[in-house]
Amino acid sequence: MLRPHFIFVLLTALSLACGGGGGDDNKGATPEPSPTPAASGPAEQALARYVEATLQRQFVEDCTKADVAKDTNKICATFRGERANQRAYVVGPTFSEPTQWVILEDKGGGQWAVAGTTLLNSDTAAVPGIPWPLLTGTDLIVVGVKPDCLNVREGPALNQKAVDCIAEGAKVRLSAGPLLADNINWWQVEGRSGWISGDYLRYPDAAQ
């Protein structure tokens, strides 16, 4: 017959052999998955940096995927188009209307940076097309001014006198600019004396 003392020793040995004697309890455990990044690609990561640094808000990459339970009071983005080495997004508070355009540009080697921004307000939100960064000496068209026309002002500011007016659909070329005033980029127009707002100018292939 086995004595009680021997049985106790035997059970203790079996317990140690089965790993009950201590050590790293987490050894062999499945690691926790790493958190999903705030943005999936280099362009979106540049956009996230802009939002967090400039707008001082947390970023949600896709407005359609914002979760009301955790993404309220954040800034989200909607991709609108691509042209050469640039991408266009509108950004704004989650579950609300966008408040600005942000154009990103690939500077080479996958290094993306903000190339331009345009605020959206009651006047400019309905302007069709994408506001790709404007260049002098290129063909542009006037859009979004119906039933009025685009004022040409003596100087680059809203308080400057209007000296001319350019109709919807007219082609123009820029000779100088931009100068920033009243949150508007102002440009001089070839063949005219004065300055116009860049908010109502689009490249012909990006005016819809």
N, C-alpha and C. Protein backbone atom coordinates (compact mmCIF):
# COMPACT_ATOMS: atom_id res chain seq x y z
N MET A 1 0.87 -1.19 0.00
CA MET A 1 0.00 0.00 0.00
C MET A 1 0.90 1.24 0.00
N LEU A 2 0.53 2.28 -0.84
CA LEU A 2 1.31 3.52 -0.90
C LEU A 2 1.02 4.37 0.32
N ARG A 3 2.09 4.88 0.92
CA ARG A 3 1.91 5.71 2.09
C ARG A 3 1.50 7.14 1.68
N PRO A 4 0.73 7.85 2.55
CA PRO A 4 0.27 9.20 2.21
C PRO A 4 1.41 10.13 1.84
N HIS A 5 2.55 10.05 2.56
CA HIS A 5 3.67 10.94 2.27
C HIS A 5 4.20 10.72 0.86
N PHE A 6 4.28 9.49 0.42
CA PHE A 6 4.77 9.16 -0.93
C PHE A 6 3.79 9.68 -1.98
N ILE A 7 2.51 9.56 -1.72
CA ILE A 7 1.49 10.05 -2.67
C ILE A 7 1.62 11.56 -2.85
N PHE A 8 1.83 12.28 -1.75
CA PHE A 8 1.98 13.74 -1.82
C PHE A 8 3.17 14.14 -2.68
N VAL A 9 4.31 13.45 -2.47
CA VAL A 9 5.51 13.74 -3.26
C VAL A 9 5.28 13.46 -4.72
N LEU A 10 4.61 12.36 -5.04
CA LEU A 10 4.34 11.99 -6.43
C LEU A 10 3.46 13.03 -7.12
N LEU A 11 2.43 13.48 -6.44
CA LEU A 11 1.53 14.49 -7.02
C LEU A 11 2.26 15.82 -7.26
N THR A 12 3.13 16.19 -6.34
CA THR A 12 3.90 17.44 -6.50
C THR A 12 4.81 17.37 -7.71
N ALA A 13 5.47 16.22 -7.90
CA ALA A 13 6.36 16.03 -9.05
C ALA A 13 5.58 16.12 -10.36
N LEU A 14 4.40 15.50 -10.41
CA LEU A 14 3.57 15.55 -11.62
C LEU A 14 3.14 16.98 -11.92
N SER A 15 2.82 17.73 -10.87
CA SER A 15 2.40 19.11 -11.06
C SER A 15 3.51 19.96 -11.66
N LEU A 16 4.74 19.80 -11.17
CA LEU A 16 5.88 20.54 -11.70
C LEU A 16 6.18 20.15 -13.14
N ALA A 17 6.04 18.87 -13.45
CA ALA A 17 6.32 18.39 -14.82
C ALA A 17 5.34 18.96 -15.81
N CYS A 18 4.13 19.28 -15.38
CA CYS A 18 3.09 19.80 -16.27
C CYS A 18 3.13 21.32 -16.39
N GLY A 19 4.17 21.94 -15.83
CA GLY A 19 4.32 23.38 -16.01
C GLY A 19 3.73 24.19 -14.89
N GLY A 20 3.34 23.58 -13.80
CA GLY A 20 2.73 24.34 -12.73
C GLY A 20 3.74 24.92 -11.78
N GLY A 21 5.05 24.79 -12.10
CA GLY A 21 6.07 25.26 -11.18
C GLY A 21 6.52 26.67 -11.41
N GLY A 22 5.78 27.48 -12.19
CA GLY A 22 6.14 28.89 -12.37
C GLY A 22 6.69 29.15 -13.74
N GLY A 23 7.50 30.20 -13.87
CA GLY A 23 8.03 30.60 -15.16
C GLY A 23 7.15 31.68 -15.78
N ASP A 24 7.37 31.98 -17.08
CA ASP A 24 6.64 33.03 -17.79
C ASP A 24 5.26 32.52 -18.16
N ASP A 25 4.24 33.03 -17.47
CA ASP A 25 2.87 32.57 -17.75
C ASP A 25 2.42 32.90 -19.15
N ASN A 26 3.04 33.95 -19.82
CA ASN A 26 2.59 34.38 -21.14
C ASN A 26 3.37 33.71 -22.26
N LYS A 27 4.35 32.82 -21.87
CA LYS A 27 5.16 32.18 -22.90
C LYS A 27 4.28 31.32 -23.80
N GLY A 28 4.41 31.57 -25.10
CA GLY A 28 3.63 30.80 -26.07
C GLY A 28 2.26 31.39 -26.32
N ALA A 29 1.88 32.47 -25.62
CA ALA A 29 0.56 33.07 -25.84
C ALA A 29 0.54 33.80 -27.18
N THR A 30 -0.62 33.87 -27.80
CA THR A 30 -0.78 34.57 -29.07
C THR A 30 -0.62 36.07 -28.85
N PRO A 31 0.29 36.74 -29.59
CA PRO A 31 0.50 38.18 -29.38
C PRO A 31 -0.73 38.98 -29.77
N GLU A 32 -0.92 40.11 -29.10
CA GLU A 32 -2.02 41.00 -29.44
C GLU A 32 -1.76 41.64 -30.80
N PRO A 33 -2.80 41.76 -31.66
CA PRO A 33 -2.58 42.40 -32.95
C PRO A 33 -2.24 43.87 -32.76
N SER A 34 -1.37 44.39 -33.65
CA SER A 34 -1.00 45.81 -33.56
C SER A 34 -2.19 46.65 -33.99
N PRO A 35 -2.35 47.85 -33.45
CA PRO A 35 -3.49 48.68 -33.81
C PRO A 35 -3.45 49.10 -35.27
N THR A 36 -4.63 49.25 -35.87
CA THR A 36 -4.71 49.68 -37.25
C THR A 36 -4.18 51.10 -37.38
N PRO A 37 -3.30 51.39 -38.34
CA PRO A 37 -2.77 52.74 -38.47
C PRO A 37 -3.87 53.74 -38.81
N ALA A 38 -3.64 55.01 -38.48
CA ALA A 38 -4.64 56.04 -38.74
C ALA A 38 -4.86 56.26 -40.23
N ALA A 39 -3.88 55.92 -41.04
CA ALA A 39 -4.01 56.08 -42.49
C ALA A 39 -3.27 54.94 -43.17
N SER A 40 -3.79 54.50 -44.32
CA SER A 40 -3.31 53.26 -44.92
C SER A 40 -2.14 53.44 -45.87
N GLY A 41 -2.02 54.59 -46.52
CA GLY A 41 -0.96 54.78 -47.50
C GLY A 41 -0.20 56.06 -47.27
N PRO A 42 0.91 56.28 -48.00
CA PRO A 42 1.73 57.48 -47.79
C PRO A 42 0.95 58.79 -47.96
N ALA A 43 0.07 58.85 -48.98
CA ALA A 43 -0.71 60.08 -49.18
C ALA A 43 -1.65 60.32 -48.01
N GLU A 44 -2.33 59.27 -47.59
CA GLU A 44 -3.27 59.42 -46.48
C GLU A 44 -2.55 59.73 -45.16
N GLN A 45 -1.35 59.21 -45.01
CA GLN A 45 -0.57 59.52 -43.81
C GLN A 45 -0.16 60.99 -43.80
N ALA A 46 0.18 61.54 -44.98
CA ALA A 46 0.49 62.97 -45.06
C ALA A 46 -0.75 63.80 -44.73
N LEU A 47 -1.90 63.35 -45.19
CA LEU A 47 -3.14 64.04 -44.89
C LEU A 47 -3.44 63.99 -43.39
N ALA A 48 -3.19 62.84 -42.78
CA ALA A 48 -3.40 62.70 -41.34
C ALA A 48 -2.50 63.66 -40.56
N ARG A 49 -1.24 63.79 -40.99
CA ARG A 49 -0.32 64.70 -40.31
C ARG A 49 -0.80 66.14 -40.43
N TYR A 50 -1.30 66.50 -41.62
CA TYR A 50 -1.82 67.85 -41.82
C TYR A 50 -3.01 68.13 -40.90
N VAL A 51 -3.95 67.19 -40.84
CA VAL A 51 -5.14 67.37 -40.01
C VAL A 51 -4.76 67.51 -38.54
N GLU A 52 -3.89 66.63 -38.08
CA GLU A 52 -3.55 66.63 -36.65
C GLU A 52 -2.69 67.84 -36.27
N ALA A 53 -1.82 68.30 -37.18
CA ALA A 53 -0.94 69.43 -36.87
C ALA A 53 -1.62 70.77 -37.09
N THR A 54 -2.39 70.89 -38.17
CA THR A 54 -2.98 72.17 -38.54
C THR A 54 -4.37 72.37 -37.96
N LEU A 55 -5.19 71.34 -38.02
CA LEU A 55 -6.56 71.45 -37.53
C LEU A 55 -6.71 71.01 -36.08
N GLN A 56 -5.65 70.40 -35.54
CA GLN A 56 -5.63 69.99 -34.13
C GLN A 56 -6.77 69.04 -33.79
N ARG A 57 -7.02 68.10 -34.70
CA ARG A 57 -8.07 67.12 -34.48
C ARG A 57 -7.57 65.74 -34.89
N GLN A 58 -8.19 64.70 -34.34
CA GLN A 58 -7.86 63.35 -34.76
C GLN A 58 -8.45 63.08 -36.14
N PHE A 59 -7.82 62.14 -36.86
CA PHE A 59 -8.13 61.94 -38.27
C PHE A 59 -8.80 60.59 -38.51
N VAL A 60 -9.83 60.61 -39.37
CA VAL A 60 -10.46 59.40 -39.87
C VAL A 60 -10.27 59.40 -41.38
N GLU A 61 -9.66 58.35 -41.90
CA GLU A 61 -9.27 58.34 -43.31
C GLU A 61 -10.44 58.42 -44.28
N ASP A 62 -11.53 57.76 -43.99
CA ASP A 62 -12.67 57.67 -44.91
C ASP A 62 -13.94 58.07 -44.18
N CYS A 63 -14.57 59.16 -44.64
CA CYS A 63 -15.78 59.64 -43.97
C CYS A 63 -16.90 58.60 -43.96
N THR A 64 -16.95 57.77 -45.00
CA THR A 64 -18.03 56.78 -45.07
C THR A 64 -17.86 55.67 -44.05
N LYS A 65 -16.67 55.55 -43.47
CA LYS A 65 -16.41 54.50 -42.49
C LYS A 65 -16.33 55.02 -41.05
N ALA A 66 -16.67 56.29 -40.87
CA ALA A 66 -16.63 56.87 -39.52
C ALA A 66 -17.68 56.19 -38.65
N ASP A 67 -17.30 55.93 -37.41
CA ASP A 67 -18.16 55.25 -36.44
C ASP A 67 -18.66 56.28 -35.43
N VAL A 68 -19.97 56.44 -35.36
CA VAL A 68 -20.54 57.47 -34.48
C VAL A 68 -20.18 57.22 -33.02
N ALA A 69 -19.90 55.97 -32.66
CA ALA A 69 -19.61 55.64 -31.27
C ALA A 69 -18.21 56.10 -30.85
N LYS A 70 -17.30 56.24 -31.82
CA LYS A 70 -15.92 56.59 -31.43
C LYS A 70 -15.28 57.69 -32.27
N ASP A 71 -15.94 58.14 -33.34
CA ASP A 71 -15.30 59.11 -34.23
C ASP A 71 -15.95 60.49 -34.23
N THR A 72 -16.86 60.75 -33.31
CA THR A 72 -17.46 62.07 -33.20
C THR A 72 -16.38 63.10 -32.85
N ASN A 73 -16.51 64.30 -33.43
CA ASN A 73 -15.57 65.41 -33.20
C ASN A 73 -14.19 65.17 -33.82
N LYS A 74 -14.10 64.25 -34.75
CA LYS A 74 -12.86 64.06 -35.49
C LYS A 74 -13.01 64.67 -36.89
N ILE A 75 -11.91 64.69 -37.63
CA ILE A 75 -11.91 65.17 -39.01
C ILE A 75 -11.75 63.97 -39.93
N CYS A 76 -12.61 63.89 -40.95
CA CYS A 76 -12.53 62.78 -41.90
C CYS A 76 -12.29 63.33 -43.31
N ALA A 77 -11.94 62.42 -44.21
CA ALA A 77 -11.60 62.81 -45.58
C ALA A 77 -12.38 61.99 -46.59
N THR A 78 -12.59 62.58 -47.76
CA THR A 78 -13.20 61.89 -48.89
C THR A 78 -12.33 62.14 -50.11
N PHE A 79 -11.87 61.06 -50.74
CA PHE A 79 -11.03 61.17 -51.94
C PHE A 79 -11.90 61.61 -53.12
N ARG A 80 -11.42 62.61 -53.88
CA ARG A 80 -12.21 63.14 -54.99
C ARG A 80 -11.58 62.97 -56.36
N GLY A 81 -10.27 62.76 -56.42
CA GLY A 81 -9.69 62.59 -57.74
C GLY A 81 -8.18 62.61 -57.73
N GLU A 82 -7.60 62.25 -58.89
CA GLU A 82 -6.15 62.18 -59.04
C GLU A 82 -5.76 62.78 -60.37
N ARG A 83 -4.65 63.52 -60.38
CA ARG A 83 -4.19 64.18 -61.60
C ARG A 83 -2.67 64.24 -61.56
N ALA A 84 -2.04 63.54 -62.51
CA ALA A 84 -0.57 63.45 -62.53
C ALA A 84 -0.09 62.93 -61.17
N ASN A 85 0.73 63.70 -60.48
CA ASN A 85 1.28 63.25 -59.19
C ASN A 85 0.56 63.90 -58.01
N GLN A 86 -0.70 64.28 -58.22
CA GLN A 86 -1.47 64.93 -57.17
C GLN A 86 -2.77 64.19 -56.89
N ARG A 87 -3.24 64.30 -55.65
CA ARG A 87 -4.52 63.72 -55.24
C ARG A 87 -5.33 64.78 -54.51
N ALA A 88 -6.64 64.73 -54.73
CA ALA A 88 -7.53 65.72 -54.15
C ALA A 88 -8.48 65.07 -53.14
N TYR A 89 -8.64 65.74 -52.01
CA TYR A 89 -9.55 65.29 -50.95
C TYR A 89 -10.36 66.48 -50.45
N VAL A 90 -11.57 66.20 -49.97
CA VAL A 90 -12.27 67.17 -49.16
C VAL A 90 -12.27 66.64 -47.73
N VAL A 91 -12.08 67.54 -46.78
CA VAL A 91 -12.04 67.15 -45.38
C VAL A 91 -12.98 68.02 -44.57
N GLY A 92 -13.43 67.49 -43.45
CA GLY A 92 -14.32 68.24 -42.57
C GLY A 92 -14.71 67.39 -41.38
N PRO A 93 -15.49 67.93 -40.46
CA PRO A 93 -15.91 67.18 -39.29
C PRO A 93 -16.70 65.93 -39.68
N THR A 94 -16.50 64.86 -38.94
CA THR A 94 -17.28 63.65 -39.20
C THR A 94 -18.77 63.95 -39.07
N PHE A 95 -19.56 63.29 -39.92
CA PHE A 95 -21.02 63.39 -39.91
C PHE A 95 -21.49 64.82 -40.20
N SER A 96 -20.71 65.55 -41.01
CA SER A 96 -21.05 66.91 -41.37
C SER A 96 -20.53 67.19 -42.78
N GLU A 97 -20.76 68.40 -43.27
CA GLU A 97 -20.29 68.77 -44.60
C GLU A 97 -18.80 69.09 -44.57
N PRO A 98 -18.09 68.84 -45.67
CA PRO A 98 -16.66 69.18 -45.72
C PRO A 98 -16.44 70.68 -45.62
N THR A 99 -15.29 71.06 -45.10
CA THR A 99 -14.98 72.47 -44.90
C THR A 99 -13.81 72.97 -45.74
N GLN A 100 -13.07 72.05 -46.36
CA GLN A 100 -11.98 72.50 -47.22
C GLN A 100 -11.50 71.40 -48.16
N TRP A 101 -10.92 71.86 -49.26
CA TRP A 101 -10.18 70.98 -50.15
C TRP A 101 -8.74 70.90 -49.66
N VAL A 102 -8.15 69.71 -49.81
CA VAL A 102 -6.72 69.54 -49.57
C VAL A 102 -6.14 68.79 -50.76
N ILE A 103 -5.15 69.38 -51.40
CA ILE A 103 -4.47 68.76 -52.53
C ILE A 103 -3.10 68.28 -52.06
N LEU A 104 -2.84 66.99 -52.26
CA LEU A 104 -1.54 66.40 -51.90
C LEU A 104 -0.72 66.15 -53.15
N GLU A 105 0.60 66.25 -53.00
CA GLU A 105 1.50 66.04 -54.14
C GLU A 105 2.62 65.09 -53.75
N ASP A 106 2.91 64.16 -54.65
CA ASP A 106 4.03 63.25 -54.46
C ASP A 106 5.31 63.97 -54.87
N LYS A 107 6.17 64.23 -53.88
CA LYS A 107 7.40 64.95 -54.13
C LYS A 107 8.52 64.05 -54.63
N GLY A 108 8.21 62.76 -54.77
CA GLY A 108 9.21 61.79 -55.21
C GLY A 108 9.51 60.77 -54.14
N GLY A 109 9.64 59.53 -54.57
CA GLY A 109 9.95 58.47 -53.63
C GLY A 109 8.86 58.18 -52.64
N GLY A 110 7.62 58.50 -53.02
CA GLY A 110 6.50 58.25 -52.13
C GLY A 110 6.37 59.23 -50.99
N GLN A 111 7.08 60.36 -51.09
CA GLN A 111 7.00 61.39 -50.06
C GLN A 111 5.92 62.40 -50.44
N TRP A 112 4.78 62.33 -49.75
CA TRP A 112 3.65 63.19 -50.07
C TRP A 112 3.61 64.40 -49.14
N ALA A 113 3.15 65.53 -49.69
CA ALA A 113 3.04 66.76 -48.91
C ALA A 113 1.83 67.55 -49.42
N VAL A 114 1.34 68.45 -48.58
CA VAL A 114 0.21 69.29 -48.96
C VAL A 114 0.68 70.31 -49.99
N ALA A 115 0.01 70.34 -51.15
CA ALA A 115 0.36 71.27 -52.22
C ALA A 115 -0.56 72.49 -52.22
N GLY A 116 -1.72 72.37 -51.59
CA GLY A 116 -2.65 73.49 -51.57
C GLY A 116 -3.91 73.15 -50.80
N THR A 117 -4.55 74.18 -50.27
CA THR A 117 -5.83 74.02 -49.59
C THR A 117 -6.76 75.13 -50.04
N THR A 118 -8.05 74.83 -50.05
CA THR A 118 -9.07 75.82 -50.41
C THR A 118 -10.24 75.67 -49.45
N LEU A 119 -10.57 76.75 -48.76
CA LEU A 119 -11.69 76.70 -47.83
C LEU A 119 -13.01 76.63 -48.59
N LEU A 120 -13.94 75.88 -48.04
CA LEU A 120 -15.28 75.78 -48.60
C LEU A 120 -16.24 76.61 -47.75
N ASN A 121 -17.00 77.48 -48.41
CA ASN A 121 -18.01 78.28 -47.72
C ASN A 121 -19.29 78.28 -48.54
N SER A 122 -20.23 79.11 -48.15
CA SER A 122 -21.53 79.12 -48.84
C SER A 122 -21.39 79.54 -50.30
N ASP A 123 -20.35 80.29 -50.63
CA ASP A 123 -20.15 80.73 -52.01
C ASP A 123 -19.41 79.69 -52.85
N THR A 124 -18.41 79.04 -52.28
CA THR A 124 -17.54 78.18 -53.07
C THR A 124 -17.90 76.69 -53.02
N ALA A 125 -18.74 76.28 -52.07
CA ALA A 125 -19.06 74.85 -51.93
C ALA A 125 -19.72 74.28 -53.19
N ALA A 126 -20.44 75.12 -53.91
CA ALA A 126 -21.16 74.64 -55.10
C ALA A 126 -20.36 74.78 -56.39
N VAL A 127 -19.15 75.30 -56.30
CA VAL A 127 -18.34 75.44 -57.52
C VAL A 127 -17.94 74.05 -58.01
N PRO A 128 -18.25 73.73 -59.27
CA PRO A 128 -17.96 72.37 -59.76
C PRO A 128 -16.46 72.15 -59.98
N GLY A 129 -16.11 70.86 -60.10
CA GLY A 129 -14.73 70.52 -60.42
C GLY A 129 -13.82 70.48 -59.21
N ILE A 130 -12.57 70.22 -59.48
CA ILE A 130 -11.54 70.11 -58.44
C ILE A 130 -10.58 71.28 -58.55
N PRO A 131 -10.28 71.97 -57.45
CA PRO A 131 -9.38 73.13 -57.51
C PRO A 131 -7.90 72.74 -57.48
N TRP A 132 -7.45 72.08 -58.54
CA TRP A 132 -6.03 71.75 -58.60
C TRP A 132 -5.19 73.02 -58.54
N PRO A 133 -4.00 72.98 -57.95
CA PRO A 133 -3.16 74.19 -57.86
C PRO A 133 -2.97 74.85 -59.22
N LEU A 134 -3.19 76.15 -59.26
CA LEU A 134 -3.15 76.90 -60.51
C LEU A 134 -1.73 77.31 -60.87
N LEU A 135 -1.50 77.45 -62.17
CA LEU A 135 -0.20 77.88 -62.68
C LEU A 135 -0.40 79.02 -63.67
N THR A 136 0.56 79.92 -63.73
CA THR A 136 0.49 80.99 -64.72
C THR A 136 0.78 80.42 -66.11
N GLY A 137 0.21 81.08 -67.12
CA GLY A 137 0.48 80.71 -68.50
C GLY A 137 -0.25 79.48 -68.99
N THR A 138 -1.21 78.96 -68.22
CA THR A 138 -1.98 77.80 -68.65
C THR A 138 -3.45 78.18 -68.85
N ASP A 139 -4.13 77.44 -69.72
CA ASP A 139 -5.54 77.72 -69.99
C ASP A 139 -6.41 77.28 -68.82
N LEU A 140 -7.30 78.18 -68.41
CA LEU A 140 -8.25 77.92 -67.34
C LEU A 140 -9.61 78.43 -67.77
N ILE A 141 -10.66 77.94 -67.08
CA ILE A 141 -11.99 78.45 -67.37
C ILE A 141 -12.66 78.92 -66.09
N VAL A 142 -13.56 79.88 -66.24
CA VAL A 142 -14.32 80.42 -65.12
C VAL A 142 -15.56 79.56 -64.90
N VAL A 143 -15.76 79.10 -63.67
CA VAL A 143 -16.92 78.25 -63.35
C VAL A 143 -17.54 78.70 -62.03
N GLY A 144 -18.82 78.35 -61.87
CA GLY A 144 -19.49 78.54 -60.58
C GLY A 144 -19.91 79.96 -60.27
N VAL A 145 -20.00 80.83 -61.28
CA VAL A 145 -20.38 82.22 -61.01
C VAL A 145 -21.78 82.58 -61.50
N LYS A 146 -22.44 81.68 -62.24
CA LYS A 146 -23.81 81.95 -62.72
C LYS A 146 -24.73 82.24 -61.54
N PRO A 147 -25.69 83.12 -61.71
CA PRO A 147 -26.04 83.94 -62.89
C PRO A 147 -25.22 85.22 -63.00
N ASP A 148 -24.21 85.37 -62.13
CA ASP A 148 -23.38 86.57 -62.17
C ASP A 148 -22.14 86.32 -63.01
N CYS A 149 -21.10 87.09 -62.77
CA CYS A 149 -19.82 86.93 -63.45
C CYS A 149 -18.71 87.10 -62.42
N LEU A 150 -17.49 86.79 -62.82
CA LEU A 150 -16.35 86.86 -61.90
C LEU A 150 -15.74 88.25 -61.94
N ASN A 151 -15.79 88.93 -60.79
CA ASN A 151 -15.27 90.29 -60.73
C ASN A 151 -13.75 90.32 -60.91
N VAL A 152 -13.31 91.29 -61.70
CA VAL A 152 -11.90 91.63 -61.79
C VAL A 152 -11.72 92.90 -60.97
N ARG A 153 -10.89 92.85 -59.93
CA ARG A 153 -10.76 93.98 -59.01
C ARG A 153 -9.43 94.69 -59.19
N GLU A 154 -9.43 95.95 -58.80
CA GLU A 154 -8.22 96.76 -58.96
C GLU A 154 -7.04 96.18 -58.20
N GLY A 155 -7.29 95.61 -57.04
CA GLY A 155 -6.25 95.01 -56.24
C GLY A 155 -6.69 93.67 -55.69
N PRO A 156 -5.76 92.93 -55.09
CA PRO A 156 -6.07 91.58 -54.62
C PRO A 156 -6.76 91.55 -53.25
N ALA A 157 -8.02 92.03 -53.21
CA ALA A 157 -8.79 92.02 -51.97
C ALA A 157 -10.25 92.30 -52.31
N LEU A 158 -11.14 91.84 -51.43
CA LEU A 158 -12.57 92.02 -51.67
C LEU A 158 -13.01 93.48 -51.58
N ASN A 159 -12.25 94.29 -50.86
CA ASN A 159 -12.64 95.70 -50.72
C ASN A 159 -12.14 96.57 -51.86
N GLN A 160 -11.50 95.95 -52.85
CA GLN A 160 -11.02 96.68 -54.02
C GLN A 160 -12.15 96.83 -55.05
N LYS A 161 -12.12 97.92 -55.76
CA LYS A 161 -13.16 98.22 -56.73
C LYS A 161 -13.16 97.22 -57.89
N ALA A 162 -14.36 96.76 -58.30
CA ALA A 162 -14.49 95.89 -59.47
C ALA A 162 -14.41 96.73 -60.73
N VAL A 163 -13.48 96.37 -61.62
CA VAL A 163 -13.27 97.16 -62.85
C VAL A 163 -13.64 96.38 -64.10
N ASP A 164 -13.95 95.10 -63.94
CA ASP A 164 -14.30 94.26 -65.09
C ASP A 164 -15.04 93.04 -64.56
N CYS A 165 -15.61 92.26 -65.46
CA CYS A 165 -16.34 91.06 -65.04
C CYS A 165 -16.21 90.00 -66.13
N ILE A 166 -15.91 88.76 -65.72
CA ILE A 166 -15.66 87.68 -66.69
C ILE A 166 -16.80 86.67 -66.59
N ALA A 167 -17.36 86.33 -67.73
CA ALA A 167 -18.56 85.47 -67.77
C ALA A 167 -18.23 84.01 -67.48
N GLU A 168 -19.24 83.27 -67.05
CA GLU A 168 -19.15 81.82 -66.84
C GLU A 168 -18.68 81.14 -68.12
N GLY A 169 -17.71 80.24 -68.01
CA GLY A 169 -17.23 79.48 -69.15
C GLY A 169 -16.14 80.16 -69.95
N ALA A 170 -15.81 81.40 -69.63
CA ALA A 170 -14.77 82.12 -70.38
C ALA A 170 -13.40 81.52 -70.08
N LYS A 171 -12.54 81.52 -71.10
CA LYS A 171 -11.18 81.03 -70.92
C LYS A 171 -10.27 82.19 -70.51
N VAL A 172 -9.38 81.92 -69.57
CA VAL A 172 -8.43 82.94 -69.12
C VAL A 172 -7.06 82.30 -68.94
N ARG A 173 -6.05 83.17 -68.91
CA ARG A 173 -4.70 82.77 -68.53
C ARG A 173 -4.20 83.71 -67.46
N LEU A 174 -3.47 83.17 -66.52
CA LEU A 174 -2.97 83.96 -65.41
C LEU A 174 -1.55 84.44 -65.71
N SER A 175 -1.28 85.69 -65.31
CA SER A 175 0.04 86.26 -65.57
C SER A 175 0.88 86.40 -64.30
N ALA A 176 0.23 86.45 -63.13
CA ALA A 176 0.97 86.61 -61.87
C ALA A 176 0.09 86.19 -60.71
N GLY A 177 0.74 85.85 -59.60
CA GLY A 177 0.03 85.44 -58.39
C GLY A 177 0.58 84.10 -57.91
N PRO A 178 0.00 83.60 -56.83
CA PRO A 178 -1.13 84.21 -56.10
C PRO A 178 -0.67 85.12 -54.97
N LEU A 179 -1.57 86.02 -54.58
CA LEU A 179 -1.44 86.80 -53.35
C LEU A 179 -2.64 86.45 -52.47
N LEU A 180 -2.38 86.17 -51.21
CA LEU A 180 -3.44 85.74 -50.29
C LEU A 180 -4.02 86.93 -49.54
N ALA A 181 -5.34 87.10 -49.63
CA ALA A 181 -6.05 88.12 -48.86
C ALA A 181 -7.50 87.68 -48.72
N ASP A 182 -8.09 87.92 -47.56
CA ASP A 182 -9.47 87.53 -47.28
C ASP A 182 -9.67 86.03 -47.45
N ASN A 183 -8.63 85.23 -47.14
CA ASN A 183 -8.66 83.77 -47.32
C ASN A 183 -8.88 83.36 -48.77
N ILE A 184 -8.47 84.20 -49.69
CA ILE A 184 -8.62 83.95 -51.12
C ILE A 184 -7.26 84.13 -51.79
N ASN A 185 -6.93 83.24 -52.72
CA ASN A 185 -5.75 83.41 -53.56
C ASN A 185 -6.13 84.24 -54.78
N TRP A 186 -5.48 85.40 -54.93
CA TRP A 186 -5.79 86.32 -56.02
C TRP A 186 -4.73 86.23 -57.11
N TRP A 187 -5.21 86.34 -58.36
CA TRP A 187 -4.34 86.21 -59.53
C TRP A 187 -4.59 87.35 -60.50
N GLN A 188 -3.52 87.75 -61.18
CA GLN A 188 -3.66 88.69 -62.29
C GLN A 188 -3.94 87.92 -63.57
N VAL A 189 -4.73 88.53 -64.45
CA VAL A 189 -5.17 87.86 -65.67
C VAL A 189 -4.49 88.49 -66.88
N GLU A 190 -4.05 87.64 -67.80
CA GLU A 190 -3.46 88.14 -69.04
C GLU A 190 -4.51 88.95 -69.82
N GLY A 191 -4.10 90.10 -70.33
CA GLY A 191 -4.97 90.90 -71.18
C GLY A 191 -5.99 91.73 -70.45
N ARG A 192 -5.98 91.68 -69.11
CA ARG A 192 -6.92 92.48 -68.33
C ARG A 192 -6.17 93.17 -67.20
N SER A 193 -6.68 94.28 -66.77
CA SER A 193 -6.06 95.03 -65.69
C SER A 193 -6.81 94.74 -64.40
N GLY A 194 -6.20 93.94 -63.54
CA GLY A 194 -6.86 93.65 -62.29
C GLY A 194 -6.57 92.24 -61.79
N TRP A 195 -7.28 91.88 -60.70
CA TRP A 195 -7.08 90.62 -60.01
C TRP A 195 -8.40 89.87 -59.87
N ILE A 196 -8.31 88.53 -59.95
CA ILE A 196 -9.50 87.70 -59.80
C ILE A 196 -9.25 86.62 -58.74
N SER A 197 -10.34 86.12 -58.18
CA SER A 197 -10.25 85.05 -57.19
C SER A 197 -10.00 83.71 -57.88
N GLY A 198 -9.05 82.96 -57.33
CA GLY A 198 -8.77 81.63 -57.88
C GLY A 198 -9.82 80.59 -57.52
N ASP A 199 -10.74 80.93 -56.62
CA ASP A 199 -11.76 79.96 -56.20
C ASP A 199 -12.68 79.55 -57.34
N TYR A 200 -12.78 80.39 -58.38
CA TYR A 200 -13.73 80.12 -59.46
C TYR A 200 -13.02 79.78 -60.76
N LEU A 201 -11.80 79.28 -60.66
CA LEU A 201 -11.03 78.89 -61.83
C LEU A 201 -10.74 77.39 -61.79
N ARG A 202 -10.86 76.76 -62.93
CA ARG A 202 -10.57 75.33 -63.03
C ARG A 202 -9.85 75.06 -64.35
N TYR A 203 -9.03 73.97 -64.32
CA TYR A 203 -8.49 73.48 -65.58
C TYR A 203 -9.64 72.89 -66.39
N PRO A 204 -9.58 73.02 -67.72
CA PRO A 204 -10.70 72.52 -68.53
C PRO A 204 -11.05 71.06 -68.31
N ASP A 205 -10.05 70.22 -67.99
CA ASP A 205 -10.32 68.80 -67.79
C ASP A 205 -10.78 68.49 -66.36
N ALA A 206 -10.93 69.52 -65.53
CA ALA A 206 -11.32 69.29 -64.14
C ALA A 206 -12.41 70.24 -63.71
N ALA A 207 -13.27 70.61 -64.66
CA ALA A 207 -14.27 71.62 -64.38
C ALA A 207 -15.66 71.05 -64.11
N GLN A 208 -15.77 69.74 -64.08
CA GLN A 208 -17.10 69.12 -63.86
C GLN A 208 -17.19 68.52 -62.48
